[in-house]
Protein backbone atom coordinates (compact mmCIF):
# COMPACT_ATOMS: atom_id res chain seq x y z
CA MET A 1 0.03 0.08 -0.09
CA THR A 2 1.51 3.39 -1.15
CA GLN A 3 1.76 6.22 1.49
CA SER A 4 -1.01 8.03 -0.40
CA ARG A 5 -3.39 5.17 -0.11
CA LEU A 6 -2.35 4.63 3.75
CA ASP A 7 -3.29 8.26 4.29
CA GLN A 8 -6.59 8.11 2.46
CA ALA A 9 -7.35 4.90 4.50
CA MET A 10 -6.60 6.36 7.79
CA ALA A 11 -8.54 9.44 7.04
CA LEU A 12 -11.63 7.66 6.06
CA LEU A 13 -11.11 5.67 9.19
CA ALA A 14 -10.85 8.84 11.17
CA TYR A 15 -13.89 10.25 9.55
CA ILE A 16 -16.07 7.09 10.09
CA VAL A 17 -15.02 7.23 13.96
CA PHE A 18 -15.81 11.00 14.12
CA PHE A 19 -19.11 10.37 12.43
CA GLY A 20 -19.88 7.55 15.11
CA PHE A 21 -18.94 9.97 17.90
CA LEU A 22 -21.05 12.76 16.88
CA GLY A 23 -23.92 10.16 16.05
CA ILE A 24 -23.69 8.77 19.63
CA LEU A 25 -23.68 12.20 20.96
CA PHE A 26 -26.65 13.26 19.05
CA GLY A 27 -28.62 9.88 19.90
CA TYR A 28 -28.22 10.60 23.69
CA VAL A 29 -28.81 14.46 23.70
CA THR A 30 -31.52 14.80 21.08
CA ARG A 31 -31.82 18.56 20.58
CA TRP A 32 -32.61 20.12 17.22
CA ASP A 33 -29.80 22.90 17.70
CA LEU A 34 -27.13 20.21 18.49
CA GLY A 35 -28.54 18.36 15.50
CA ILE A 36 -27.86 21.16 13.16
CA MET A 37 -24.35 21.72 14.65
CA VAL A 38 -23.51 18.19 14.23
CA GLY A 39 -24.91 18.07 10.62
CA ILE A 40 -22.52 21.23 9.91
CA THR A 41 -19.53 19.83 11.53
CA LEU A 42 -19.86 16.71 9.56
CA ALA A 43 -20.41 18.57 6.23
CA LEU A 44 -17.26 20.57 7.00
CA ALA A 45 -15.19 17.49 7.95
CA GLY A 46 -16.51 15.63 4.90
CA TRP A 47 -15.47 18.45 2.59
CA ASP A 48 -12.10 18.50 3.96
CA PHE A 49 -11.89 14.60 3.74
CA TRP A 50 -13.16 14.82 0.24
CA HIS A 51 -10.41 17.61 -0.80
CA MET A 52 -7.71 15.51 0.72
CA ALA A 53 -8.65 12.16 -0.76
CA THR A 54 -9.01 13.51 -4.21
CA GLY A 55 -5.52 15.36 -4.05
CA ARG A 56 -7.15 18.81 -4.58
CA LYS A 57 -5.77 20.12 -1.13
CA SER A 58 -2.25 19.16 0.43
CA ASP A 59 -0.97 19.55 3.82
CA HIS A 60 2.63 19.59 2.53
CA HIS A 61 4.09 22.83 1.61
């Protein structure tokens, strides 16, 4: 597995764990305003993951 694929796999795993954490949080604290914030947070994290996974953005300077 190349370093790029390993980075993508680890990023996907991190996003899945983050999604699960926020899902559990919202499951126990069911408030509409928290749901909006969870949705925005997941959307922003998903956008960042997509750009990193497709190579449109790089952390390397």
